[in-house]
C-alpha atoms as a PDB file:
ATOM      1  CA  MET A   1      21.740  -5.489   6.057  1.00  0.00           C
ATOM      2  CA  THR A   2      18.574  -4.867   3.652  1.00  0.00           C
ATOM      3  CA  MET A   3      15.417  -4.493   5.061  1.00  0.00           C
ATOM      4  CA  PRO A   4      13.332  -7.700   4.410  1.00  0.00           C
ATOM      5  CA  VAL A   5       9.903  -7.025   2.669  1.00  0.00           C
ATOM      6  CA  TYR A   6       6.537  -8.794   3.851  1.00  0.00           C
ATOM      7  CA  TYR A   7       3.017  -9.692   2.798  1.00  0.00           C
ATOM      8  CA  ILE A   8       1.118 -10.537   5.573  1.00  0.00           C
ATOM      9  CA  SER A   9      -2.508 -11.763   6.713  1.00  0.00           C
ATOM     10  CA  HIS A  10      -4.326  -8.659   8.542  1.00  0.00           C
ATOM     11  CA  GLY A  11      -7.348 -11.001   9.672  1.00  0.00           C
ATOM     12  CA  GLY A  12     -10.882  -9.996   9.696  1.00  0.00           C
ATOM     13  CA  GLY A  13     -12.142  -6.819  11.064  1.00  0.00           C
ATOM     14  CA  PRO A  14     -10.777  -5.603  14.579  1.00  0.00           C
ATOM     15  CA  TRP A  15      -9.734  -8.901  16.048  1.00  0.00           C
ATOM     16  CA  PRO A  16      -7.225  -7.978  18.463  1.00  0.00           C
ATOM     17  CA  TRP A  17      -9.459  -5.761  20.505  1.00  0.00           C
ATOM     18  CA  MET A  18     -12.071  -8.682  20.809  1.00  0.00           C
ATOM     19  CA  PRO A  19     -11.346 -11.081  23.464  1.00  0.00           C
ATOM     20  CA  GLU A  20     -13.685 -14.108  22.182  1.00  0.00           C
ATOM     21  CA  ALA A  21     -11.232 -13.881  19.238  1.00  0.00           C
ATOM     22  CA  ALA A  22      -8.222 -14.404  20.192  1.00  0.00           C
ATOM     23  CA  GLU A  23      -7.504 -18.506  20.256  1.00  0.00           C
ATOM     24  CA  ARG A  24      -9.279 -18.099  16.488  1.00  0.00           C
ATOM     25  CA  TYR A  25      -6.175 -15.650  15.705  1.00  0.00           C
ATOM     26  CA  ALA A  26      -3.619 -17.337  17.747  1.00  0.00           C
ATOM     27  CA  ILE A  27      -1.179 -18.460  14.678  1.00  0.00           C
ATOM     28  CA  LEU A  28      -2.062 -15.325  13.508  1.00  0.00           C
ATOM     29  CA  THR A  29      -0.617 -13.443  16.593  1.00  0.00           C
ATOM     30  CA  ALA A  30       2.342 -15.077  17.042  1.00  0.00           C
ATOM     31  CA  ALA A  31       3.320 -15.146  13.582  1.00  0.00           C
ATOM     32  CA  LEU A  32       3.213 -11.312  13.343  1.00  0.00           C
ATOM     33  CA  GLN A  33       4.667 -11.027  17.172  1.00  0.00           C
ATOM     34  CA  ASP A  34       7.867 -12.760  15.282  1.00  0.00           C
ATOM     35  CA  ILE A  35       8.460 -10.253  12.889  1.00  0.00           C
ATOM     36  CA  PRO A  36      10.173  -8.169  14.349  1.00  0.00           C
ATOM     37  CA  ASN A  37      12.888 -10.524  16.070  1.00  0.00           C
ATOM     38  CA  GLN A  38      13.272 -11.477  12.086  1.00  0.00           C
ATOM     39  CA  LEU A  39      14.278  -7.903  11.404  1.00  0.00           C
ATOM     40  CA  PRO A  40      18.215  -6.455  11.342  1.00  0.00           C
ATOM     41  CA  ARG A  41      16.850  -4.066  13.113  1.00  0.00           C
ATOM     42  CA  LYS A  42      14.024  -1.780  14.198  1.00  0.00           C
ATOM     43  CA  PRO A  43      12.871   0.155  11.425  1.00  0.00           C
ATOM     44  CA  LYS A  44      12.891   4.307  11.015  1.00  0.00           C
ATOM     45  CA  ALA A  45       9.716   3.747   9.286  1.00  0.00           C
ATOM     46  CA  ILE A  46       7.044   1.730   8.094  1.00  0.00           C
ATOM     47  CA  VAL A  47       5.732   1.689   4.812  1.00  0.00           C
ATOM     48  CA  MET A  48       2.365  -0.048   4.275  1.00  0.00           C
ATOM     49  CA  VAL A  49       0.450  -1.171   1.154  1.00  0.00           C
ATOM     50  CA  SER A  50      -3.167  -1.848   2.669  1.00  0.00           C
ATOM     51  CA  ALA A  51      -5.880  -3.666   0.823  1.00  0.00           C
ATOM     52  CA  HIS A  52      -8.497  -1.232   1.727  1.00  0.00           C
ATOM     53  CA  TRP A  53      -7.349   1.817   0.187  1.00  0.00           C
ATOM     54  CA  GLU A  54      -7.868   2.507  -3.497  1.00  0.00           C
ATOM     55  CA  ALA A  55      -6.783   5.472  -6.143  1.00  0.00           C
ATOM     56  CA  ASP A  56      -7.983   6.296  -9.617  1.00  0.00           C
ATOM     57  CA  GLY A  57      -5.766   6.685 -11.995  1.00  0.00           C
ATOM     58  CA  GLY A  58      -2.516   6.511  -9.744  1.00  0.00           C
ATOM     59  CA  PHE A  59      -1.717   6.112  -5.883  1.00  0.00           C
ATOM     60  CA  LEU A  60      -2.040   8.130  -2.842  1.00  0.00           C
ATOM     61  CA  ILE A  61       0.770   8.636  -0.353  1.00  0.00           C
ATOM     62  CA  MET A  62      -0.585   9.470   3.357  1.00  0.00           C
ATOM     63  CA  GLY A  63       0.891  12.831   4.183  1.00  0.00           C
ATOM     64  CA  ASN A  64      -1.160  13.755   7.551  1.00  0.00           C
ATOM     65  CA  PRO A  65       1.804  14.089  10.496  1.00  0.00           C
ATOM     66  CA  LYS A  66      -0.855  12.266  13.129  1.00  0.00           C
ATOM     67  CA  PRO A  67      -3.016  10.446  10.744  1.00  0.00           C
ATOM     68  CA  PRO A  68      -6.536   9.485  12.196  1.00  0.00           C
ATOM     69  CA  MET A  69      -8.412   6.585  12.621  1.00  0.00           C
ATOM     70  CA  TYR A  70     -10.673   4.987   9.710  1.00  0.00           C
ATOM     71  CA  TYR A  71     -12.999   2.465  10.729  1.00  0.00           C
ATOM     72  CA  ASP A  72     -13.541   0.494   8.057  1.00  0.00           C
ATOM     73  CA  TYR A  73     -15.550  -2.362   8.990  1.00  0.00           C
ATOM     74  CA  TYR A  74     -19.266  -2.696   9.996  1.00  0.00           C
ATOM     75  CA  ASN A  75     -21.223  -4.683  12.731  1.00  0.00           C
ATOM     76  CA  PHE A  76     -18.540  -5.103  15.412  1.00  0.00           C
ATOM     77  CA  PRO A  77     -18.788  -4.521  19.036  1.00  0.00           C
ATOM     78  CA  PRO A  78     -18.894  -0.288  20.103  1.00  0.00           C
ATOM     79  CA  HIS A  79     -15.919  -0.507  21.672  1.00  0.00           C
ATOM     80  CA  THR A  80     -14.070  -1.686  18.675  1.00  0.00           C
ATOM     81  CA  TYR A  81     -15.014   2.007  17.102  1.00  0.00           C
ATOM     82  CA  GLU A  82     -12.829   3.561  19.881  1.00  0.00           C
ATOM     83  CA  VAL A  83      -9.704   1.942  18.984  1.00  0.00           C
ATOM     84  CA  GLN A  84      -6.464   4.222  18.685  1.00  0.00           C
ATOM     85  CA  TYR A  85      -3.406   3.292  17.070  1.00  0.00           C
ATOM     86  CA  PRO A  86      -1.300   6.374  17.382  1.00  0.00           C
ATOM     87  CA  ALA A  87       1.770   6.196  15.210  1.00  0.00           C
ATOM     88  CA  SER A  88       2.780   9.203  13.991  1.00  0.00           C
ATOM     89  CA  GLY A  89       2.835  10.042   9.744  1.00  0.00           C
ATOM     90  CA  SER A  90       5.965  11.263   8.026  1.00  0.00           C
ATOM     91  CA  PRO A  91       5.382  14.260   5.727  1.00  0.00           C
ATOM     92  CA  GLU A  92       8.810  13.862   5.572  1.00  0.00           C
ATOM     93  CA  LEU A  93       9.052   9.916   3.986  1.00  0.00           C
ATOM     94  CA  ALA A  94       5.515  10.825   1.980  1.00  0.00           C
ATOM     95  CA  ARG A  95       7.956  13.456  -0.359  1.00  0.00           C
ATOM     96  CA  GLN A  96      10.336  10.752  -0.025  1.00  0.00           C
ATOM     97  CA  VAL A  97       7.709   8.198  -1.733  1.00  0.00           C
ATOM     98  CA  VAL A  98       6.575  11.059  -4.454  1.00  0.00           C
ATOM     99  CA  GLY A  99      10.055  11.323  -5.199  1.00  0.00           C
ATOM    100  CA  LEU A 100      10.712   7.546  -6.398  1.00  0.00           C
ATOM    101  CA  LEU A 101       7.213   7.014  -7.703  1.00  0.00           C
ATOM    102  CA  GLU A 102       7.646  10.117 -10.080  1.00  0.00           C
ATOM    103  CA  LYS A 103      11.252   8.718 -11.161  1.00  0.00           C
ATOM    104  CA  ALA A 104       9.687   5.400 -12.029  1.00  0.00           C
ATOM    105  CA  ASP A 105       6.930   7.817 -13.998  1.00  0.00           C
ATOM    106  CA  LEU A 106       3.886   6.259 -11.768  1.00  0.00           C
ATOM    107  CA  THR A 107       1.345   8.379 -11.287  1.00  0.00           C
ATOM    108  CA  CYS A 108       0.843   9.710  -7.927  1.00  0.00           C
ATOM    109  CA  ALA A 109      -0.246  12.609  -5.261  1.00  0.00           C
ATOM    110  CA  VAL A 110      -0.205  12.689  -1.336  1.00  0.00           C
ATOM    111  CA  ASP A 111      -3.506  12.991   0.588  1.00  0.00           C
ATOM    112  CA  THR A 112      -3.149  14.614   4.061  1.00  0.00           C
ATOM    113  CA  GLU A 113      -6.480  13.571   4.834  1.00  0.00           C
ATOM    114  CA  ARG A 114      -6.509   9.444   5.054  1.00  0.00           C
ATOM    115  CA  GLY A 115      -6.606   7.879   8.412  1.00  0.00           C
ATOM    116  CA  PHE A 116      -5.037   4.333   9.165  1.00  0.00           C
ATOM    117  CA  ASP A 117      -7.526   1.664   7.974  1.00  0.00           C
ATOM    118  CA  HIS A 118      -7.528  -1.499   9.624  1.00  0.00           C
ATOM    119  CA  GLY A 119      -5.481  -3.159   7.248  1.00  0.00           C
ATOM    120  CA  THR A 120      -2.448  -1.446   8.463  1.00  0.00           C
ATOM    121  CA  PHE A 121      -3.694  -0.536  12.255  1.00  0.00           C
ATOM    122  CA  VAL A 122      -4.514  -4.193  13.353  1.00  0.00           C
ATOM    123  CA  PRO A 123      -1.655  -6.180  12.117  1.00  0.00           C
ATOM    124  CA  LEU A 124       0.681  -3.306  13.529  1.00  0.00           C
ATOM    125  CA  ALA A 125      -1.069  -3.324  17.046  1.00  0.00           C
ATOM    126  CA  ILE A 126       0.361  -6.917  16.905  1.00  0.00           C
ATOM    127  CA  MET A 127       3.900  -5.975  15.746  1.00  0.00           C
ATOM    128  CA  TYR A 128       5.093  -2.934  17.708  1.00  0.00           C
ATOM    129  CA  PRO A 129       2.312  -1.959  20.219  1.00  0.00           C
ATOM    130  CA  ASP A 130       3.538   0.643  21.441  1.00  0.00           C
ATOM    131  CA  ALA A 131       2.811   2.594  18.178  1.00  0.00           C
ATOM    132  CA  ASP A 132       6.311   4.164  18.504  1.00  0.00           C
ATOM    133  CA  ILE A 133       7.320   3.923  14.604  1.00  0.00           C
ATOM    134  CA  PRO A 134       6.113   6.138  11.911  1.00  0.00           C
ATOM    135  CA  VAL A 135       3.790   5.113   9.521  1.00  0.00           C
ATOM    136  CA  VAL A 136       3.099   6.150   5.857  1.00  0.00           C
ATOM    137  CA  GLN A 137       0.183   4.168   3.592  1.00  0.00           C
ATOM    138  CA  VAL A 138       0.329   3.912   0.207  1.00  0.00           C
ATOM    139  CA  SER A 139      -2.684   3.173  -2.052  1.00  0.00           C
ATOM    140  CA  LEU A 140      -3.561   0.487  -4.543  1.00  0.00           C
ATOM    141  CA  GLU A 141      -4.763   1.364  -8.101  1.00  0.00           C
ATOM    142  CA  THR A 142      -8.016   0.544  -8.613  1.00  0.00           C
ATOM    143  CA  HIS A 143      -7.849  -0.809 -12.141  1.00  0.00           C
ATOM    144  CA  PHE A 144      -5.632  -3.412 -10.057  1.00  0.00           C
ATOM    145  CA  ASP A 145      -3.063  -4.415 -13.047  1.00  0.00           C
ATOM    146  CA  PRO A 146      -0.526  -6.852 -11.331  1.00  0.00           C
ATOM    147  CA  GLU A 147       1.880  -5.075 -13.501  1.00  0.00           C
ATOM    148  CA  LEU A 148       1.426  -1.428 -12.133  1.00  0.00           C
ATOM    149  CA  HIS A 149       1.618  -2.897  -8.398  1.00  0.00           C
ATOM    150  CA  LEU A 150       4.983  -4.959  -9.394  1.00  0.00           C
ATOM    151  CA  ALA A 151       6.269  -1.554 -10.830  1.00  0.00           C
ATOM    152  CA  LEU A 152       4.989   0.271  -7.295  1.00  0.00           C
ATOM    153  CA  GLY A 153       6.884  -2.294  -5.553  1.00  0.00           C
ATOM    154  CA  ARG A 154      10.488  -1.678  -7.461  1.00  0.00           C
ATOM    155  CA  ALA A 155       9.866   1.773  -7.273  1.00  0.00           C
ATOM    156  CA  LEU A 156       9.443   1.861  -3.419  1.00  0.00           C
ATOM    157  CA  ALA A 157      12.561  -0.733  -3.290  1.00  0.00           C
ATOM    158  CA  PRO A 158      15.694   1.778  -2.185  1.00  0.00           C
ATOM    159  CA  LEU A 159      13.689   2.479   0.777  1.00  0.00           C
ATOM    160  CA  ARG A 160      14.579  -0.762   2.183  1.00  0.00           C
ATOM    161  CA  ASN A 161      18.741   0.418   2.067  1.00  0.00           C
ATOM    162  CA  GLU A 162      17.052   3.030   4.537  1.00  0.00           C
ATOM    163  CA  ASP A 163      16.121   1.085   6.866  1.00  0.00           C
ATOM    164  CA  ILE A 164      12.314   1.411   5.988  1.00  0.00           C
ATOM    165  CA  LEU A 165      10.047  -1.761   6.522  1.00  0.00           C
ATOM    166  CA  ILE A 166       7.920  -2.209   3.367  1.00  0.00           C
ATOM    167  CA  ILE A 167       4.438  -4.290   3.819  1.00  0.00           C
ATOM    168  CA  GLY A 168       2.143  -5.502   1.943  1.00  0.00           C
ATOM    169  CA  SER A 169      -1.150  -6.369   4.309  1.00  0.00           C
ATOM    170  CA  GLY A 170      -3.954  -8.166   2.378  1.00  0.00           C
ATOM    171  CA  LEU A 171      -5.252 -11.581   2.890  1.00  0.00           C
ATOM    172  CA  SER A 172      -3.563 -14.929   0.527  1.00  0.00           C
ATOM    173  CA  TYR A 173      -8.112 -15.799  -0.031  1.00  0.00           C
ATOM    174  CA  HIS A 174     -10.142 -13.363  -0.039  1.00  0.00           C
ATOM    175  CA  ASN A 175     -14.077 -14.712  -1.044  1.00  0.00           C
ATOM    176  CA  LEU A 176     -16.160 -13.191   1.896  1.00  0.00           C
ATOM    177  CA  ARG A 177     -19.187 -15.082   0.616  1.00  0.00           C
ATOM    178  CA  GLU A 178     -17.426 -18.456   0.936  1.00  0.00           C
ATOM    179  CA  ILE A 179     -14.598 -17.894   3.735  1.00  0.00           C
ATOM    180  CA  ARG A 180     -16.587 -19.783   6.725  1.00  0.00           C
ATOM    181  CA  THR A 181     -18.504 -21.746   5.079  1.00  0.00           C
ATOM    182  CA  ILE A 182     -17.333 -23.884   1.343  1.00  0.00           C
ATOM    183  CA  GLY A 183     -13.817 -22.010   0.561  1.00  0.00           C
ATOM    184  CA  SER A 184     -11.780 -24.432   2.421  1.00  0.00           C
ATOM    185  CA  GLU A 185     -10.686 -26.480  -0.889  1.00  0.00           C
ATOM    186  CA  PRO A 186     -10.707 -23.322  -3.458  1.00  0.00           C
ATOM    187  CA  SER A 187      -8.218 -21.754  -0.519  1.00  0.00           C
ATOM    188  CA  ALA A 188      -6.021 -24.423  -0.420  1.00  0.00           C
ATOM    189  CA  GLN A 189      -6.157 -25.040  -3.985  1.00  0.00           C
ATOM    190  CA  PHE A 190      -5.268 -21.249  -4.627  1.00  0.00           C
ATOM    191  CA  ASP A 191      -2.398 -21.536  -1.480  1.00  0.00           C
ATOM    192  CA  ALA A 192      -0.853 -24.608  -2.767  1.00  0.00           C
ATOM    193  CA  TRP A 193       0.113 -22.667  -6.274  1.00  0.00           C
ATOM    194  CA  LEU A 194       1.170 -19.201  -4.499  1.00  0.00           C
ATOM    195  CA  GLN A 195       3.767 -21.699  -2.566  1.00  0.00           C
ATOM    196  CA  GLN A 196       5.036 -23.108  -5.447  1.00  0.00           C
ATOM    197  CA  VAL A 197       5.256 -19.494  -7.320  1.00  0.00           C
ATOM    198  CA  VAL A 198       6.558 -17.690  -4.445  1.00  0.00           C
ATOM    199  CA  VAL A 199       8.520 -20.209  -2.257  1.00  0.00           C
ATOM    200  CA  GLU A 200       9.355 -22.871  -4.145  1.00  0.00           C
ATOM    201  CA  GLY A 201       9.571 -22.255  -7.826  1.00  0.00           C
ATOM    202  CA  PRO A 202      12.293 -19.858  -9.594  1.00  0.00           C
ATOM    203  CA  VAL A 203      12.637 -16.601  -8.270  1.00  0.00           C
ATOM    204  CA  ALA A 204      13.499 -15.645 -11.989  1.00  0.00           C
ATOM    205  CA  GLU A 205      10.092 -16.762 -13.254  1.00  0.00           C
ATOM    206  CA  ARG A 206       7.973 -15.327 -10.232  1.00  0.00           C
ATOM    207  CA  SER A 207       6.971 -12.055 -11.208  1.00  0.00           C
ATOM    208  CA  ASN A 208       5.667 -13.125 -14.659  1.00  0.00           C
ATOM    209  CA  ALA A 209       3.854 -15.914 -12.825  1.00  0.00           C
ATOM    210  CA  LEU A 210       2.257 -13.272 -10.412  1.00  0.00           C
ATOM    211  CA  LYS A 211       0.803 -11.285 -13.512  1.00  0.00           C
ATOM    212  CA  GLN A 212      -1.049 -14.136 -14.976  1.00  0.00           C
ATOM    213  CA  TRP A 213      -2.371 -15.212 -11.294  1.00  0.00           C
ATOM    214  CA  GLU A 214      -5.841 -15.590 -12.747  1.00  0.00           C
ATOM    215  CA  THR A 215      -4.769 -19.096 -14.319  1.00  0.00           C
ATOM    216  CA  ALA A 216      -3.854 -20.414 -11.216  1.00  0.00           C
ATOM    217  CA  PRO A 217      -6.382 -23.280  -9.233  1.00  0.00           C
ATOM    218  CA  ALA A 218      -9.225 -21.646  -8.027  1.00  0.00           C
ATOM    219  CA  ALA A 219      -7.937 -17.748  -8.746  1.00  0.00           C
ATOM    220  CA  ARG A 220     -11.177 -16.046  -8.727  1.00  0.00           C
ATOM    221  CA  ARG A 221     -13.078 -18.712  -5.768  1.00  0.00           C
ATOM    222  CA  ALA A 222     -10.139 -17.162  -3.657  1.00  0.00           C
ATOM    223  CA  HIS A 223     -10.527 -13.556  -5.334  1.00  0.00           C
ATOM    224  CA  PRO A 224     -13.525 -12.663  -6.655  1.00  0.00           C
ATOM    225  CA  ARG A 225     -11.880  -9.253  -6.445  1.00  0.00           C
ATOM    226  CA  GLU A 226      -7.860  -9.008  -5.936  1.00  0.00           C
ATOM    227  CA  ASP A 227      -7.710  -5.604  -3.568  1.00  0.00           C
ATOM    228  CA  HIS A 228      -6.119  -8.052  -0.831  1.00  0.00           C
ATOM    229  CA  LEU A 229      -3.663  -9.782  -3.766  1.00  0.00           C
ATOM    230  CA  LEU A 230      -2.546  -6.831  -5.203  1.00  0.00           C
ATOM    231  CA  PRO A 231      -0.331  -5.728  -2.205  1.00  0.00           C
ATOM    232  CA  LEU A 232       1.783  -9.292  -2.180  1.00  0.00           C
ATOM    233  CA  MET A 233       2.854  -7.895  -6.029  1.00  0.00           C
ATOM    234  CA  VAL A 234       3.756  -4.568  -4.625  1.00  0.00           C
ATOM    235  CA  ALA A 235       6.086  -6.567  -1.555  1.00  0.00           C
ATOM    236  CA  VAL A 236       7.617  -8.552  -5.111  1.00  0.00           C
ATOM    237  CA  GLY A 237       8.197  -6.047  -6.472  1.00  0.00           C
ATOM    238  CA  ALA A 238      10.224  -4.414  -4.137  1.00  0.00           C
ATOM    239  CA  ALA A 239      12.460  -7.480  -3.487  1.00  0.00           C
ATOM    240  CA  GLU A 240      11.999  -8.926  -7.033  1.00  0.00           C
ATOM    241  CA  ASN A 241      15.228 -11.147  -7.262  1.00  0.00           C
ATOM    242  CA  GLU A 242      15.171 -12.325  -3.713  1.00  0.00           C
ATOM    243  CA  ALA A 243      14.130 -15.378  -2.219  1.00  0.00           C
ATOM    244  CA  ALA A 244      10.773 -15.929  -0.253  1.00  0.00           C
ATOM    245  CA  THR A 245       9.986 -17.260   2.917  1.00  0.00           C
ATOM    246  CA  CYS A 246       6.186 -18.401   3.711  1.00  0.00           C
ATOM    247  CA  VAL A 247       6.064 -17.036   7.538  1.00  0.00           C
ATOM    248  CA  HIS A 248       2.628 -17.807   8.407  1.00  0.00           C
ATOM    249  CA  HIS A 249       0.629 -20.693   7.359  1.00  0.00           C
ATOM    250  CA  GLU A 250      -2.406 -22.039   8.565  1.00  0.00           C
ATOM    251  CA  VAL A 251      -5.392 -24.400   7.174  1.00  0.00           C
ATOM    252  CA  THR A 252      -7.863 -23.138  10.113  1.00  0.00           C
ATOM    253  CA  ALA A 253      -8.401 -19.289   9.554  1.00  0.00           C
ATOM    254  CA  PHE A 254     -11.962 -17.864   9.134  1.00  0.00           C
ATOM    255  CA  ALA A 255     -12.984 -21.817  10.829  1.00  0.00           C
ATOM    256  CA  ASN A 256     -11.471 -23.583   7.611  1.00  0.00           C
ATOM    257  CA  ILE A 257      -9.478 -21.461   4.873  1.00  0.00           C
ATOM    258  CA  THR A 258      -6.039 -22.054   4.543  1.00  0.00           C
ATOM    259  CA  ALA A 259      -4.159 -18.735   4.313  1.00  0.00           C
ATOM    260  CA  SER A 260      -0.416 -17.715   4.205  1.00  0.00           C
ATOM    261  CA  SER A 261       1.995 -14.816   4.797  1.00  0.00           C
ATOM    262  CA  PHE A 262       5.135 -14.554   3.292  1.00  0.00           C
ATOM    263  CA  ARG A 263       8.894 -12.607   3.642  1.00  0.00           C
ATOM    264  CA  PHE A 264      11.181 -11.903   0.691  1.00  0.00           C
ATOM    265  CA  GLY A 265      14.941 -11.142   1.779  1.00  0.00           C
END
């Protein structure tokens, strides 16, 4: 059985290491913990496309065999800057990813310095706390072209047949100026559109609809900058002809935000 593909919420900052956030993140925690139970077997490796890594002019692939930590969050408790997620990298898988992208005529390069950002280590710490699965991050491309990121997913798709889990890590609503105040209605409107396009609508029309995401209700209210949405395009591209299921849905994220995560295949 082929590995499914996921687009997940990674929440805000280093929340798993903040006991005061446990109740607030209970729904997301349960959803992430359940993902390993949904898989046909334990992955040999994970390819993670995080909203928190961008490259200009092409894609970068993490090639560090022992990725360091990249604490890309601000104003959190001091102990959260000492968190470790000691999963190994995989230079061999990185080279394989490069080969797949080059075959698809996608510009790419290996980055041997990059470490795990919180879009990767936060959800994986919940899903696989033992950190015993090799992880390779792949960047977004900073011009945020939906078709280019769908193409990235299509290029990565063969990895699914090798027991490699592909995850797009972002957030279905990401407007930090409004997230704790007036984001309730736009997040609900945009989420309803996502449910229709991703889960309920015809699979054959899904990619084209997502390429036109800016026409969705409250689209730019939900994503003033689409870095947290583009990992969805990668996930869809990697499972383009397969049905989707909503595996995480809540209307109280960040107090009052509607947020969802999806499985494909």
